[in-house]
Amino acid sequence: MGGLSIWHWLIVLVVVVLIFGTKKLRNIGQDLGGAVKGFKDGMKTPDDPNAASTAANEAQAGTQQIPGKTIDAEVKKETTKS
């Protein structure tokens, strides 16, 4: 009485497809696959030390950071008297 049979899993699958739809599930699968592929690529250790820096540069090509100064600030809530 504690195990789930194949019929239980099929019913769960049908309910999930009805709730989310096939397009959203396909997008989730593609995103998950891309994340796993990126993780595997990141775990590979290259033989050439310059290859690691090249791969890091390619990965950060879309998100460049601009060096600058750090601003330390404090936020206070302004209270007005009505």
Protein backbone atom coordinates (compact mmCIF):
# COMPACT_ATOMS: atom_id res chain seq x y z
CA MET A 1 0.00 0.00 0.00
CA GLY A 2 2.93 2.44 -0.03
CA GLY A 3 4.26 2.11 -3.57
CA LEU A 4 3.10 3.88 -6.66
CA SER A 5 2.32 1.78 -9.72
CA ILE A 6 2.82 2.79 -13.35
CA TRP A 7 -0.82 3.86 -13.54
CA HIS A 8 -0.36 6.35 -10.72
CA TRP A 9 2.65 7.87 -12.51
CA LEU A 10 0.71 8.09 -15.79
CA ILE A 11 -2.14 9.92 -14.07
CA VAL A 12 0.34 12.33 -12.47
CA LEU A 13 1.97 12.91 -15.87
CA VAL A 14 -1.38 13.65 -17.51
CA VAL A 15 -2.31 16.11 -14.76
CA VAL A 16 1.05 17.90 -15.05
CA VAL A 17 0.67 18.20 -18.84
CA LEU A 18 -2.86 19.54 -18.43
CA ILE A 19 -1.74 22.12 -15.87
CA PHE A 20 1.44 23.39 -17.53
CA GLY A 21 0.95 22.54 -21.19
CA THR A 22 3.44 20.93 -23.52
CA LYS A 23 5.11 24.16 -24.66
CA LYS A 24 6.02 25.25 -21.14
CA LEU A 25 7.26 21.75 -20.26
CA ARG A 26 9.42 21.73 -23.42
CA ASN A 27 10.93 25.10 -22.47
CA ILE A 28 11.65 23.85 -18.95
CA GLY A 29 13.33 20.76 -20.41
CA GLN A 30 15.48 22.86 -22.75
CA ASP A 31 16.52 25.18 -19.93
CA LEU A 32 17.39 22.26 -17.68
CA GLY A 33 19.36 20.56 -20.46
CA GLY A 34 21.30 23.75 -21.16
CA ALA A 35 22.11 24.14 -17.48
CA VAL A 36 23.37 20.56 -17.24
CA LYS A 37 25.47 21.01 -20.38
CA GLY A 38 26.94 24.25 -19.03
CA PHE A 39 27.73 22.54 -15.73
CA LYS A 40 29.48 19.66 -17.50
CA ASP A 41 31.49 22.09 -19.63
CA GLY A 42 32.47 24.00 -16.51
CA MET A 43 33.63 20.85 -14.75
CA LYS A 44 36.00 19.86 -17.55
CA THR A 45 39.62 20.69 -16.80
CA PRO A 46 41.44 21.86 -19.90
CA ASP A 47 44.99 20.71 -20.62
CA ASP A 48 45.96 24.19 -21.82
CA PRO A 49 45.93 26.87 -19.07
CA ASN A 50 45.14 29.56 -21.66
CA ALA A 51 42.02 27.65 -22.74
CA ALA A 52 40.46 28.21 -19.32
CA SER A 53 40.81 31.96 -19.56
CA THR A 54 39.48 31.92 -23.13
CA ALA A 55 36.42 29.92 -22.06
CA ALA A 56 35.84 32.32 -19.16
CA ASN A 57 36.11 35.31 -21.50
CA GLU A 58 33.61 33.75 -23.91
CA ALA A 59 31.19 33.04 -21.07
CA GLN A 60 31.34 36.63 -19.81
CA ALA A 61 31.19 38.28 -23.23
CA GLY A 62 27.52 39.18 -22.79
CA THR A 63 27.86 40.35 -19.19
CA GLN A 64 30.76 42.73 -18.87
CA GLN A 65 31.42 44.36 -15.55
CA ILE A 66 32.51 47.95 -15.45
CA PRO A 67 35.09 48.65 -12.76
CA GLY A 68 34.20 51.52 -10.49
CA LYS A 69 33.81 52.69 -6.95
CA THR A 70 31.66 51.08 -4.30
CA ILE A 71 29.15 53.42 -2.77
CA ASP A 72 28.25 52.82 0.85
CA ALA A 73 24.80 54.21 1.66
CA GLU A 74 22.03 53.92 4.17
CA VAL A 75 18.35 54.03 3.33
CA LYS A 76 15.98 55.70 5.75
CA LYS A 77 12.21 55.83 5.48
CA GLU A 78 10.89 59.35 5.41
CA THR A 79 7.97 59.91 7.75
CA THR A 80 5.60 62.78 7.11
CA LYS A 81 3.23 64.23 9.64
CA SER A 82 -0.33 64.62 8.40
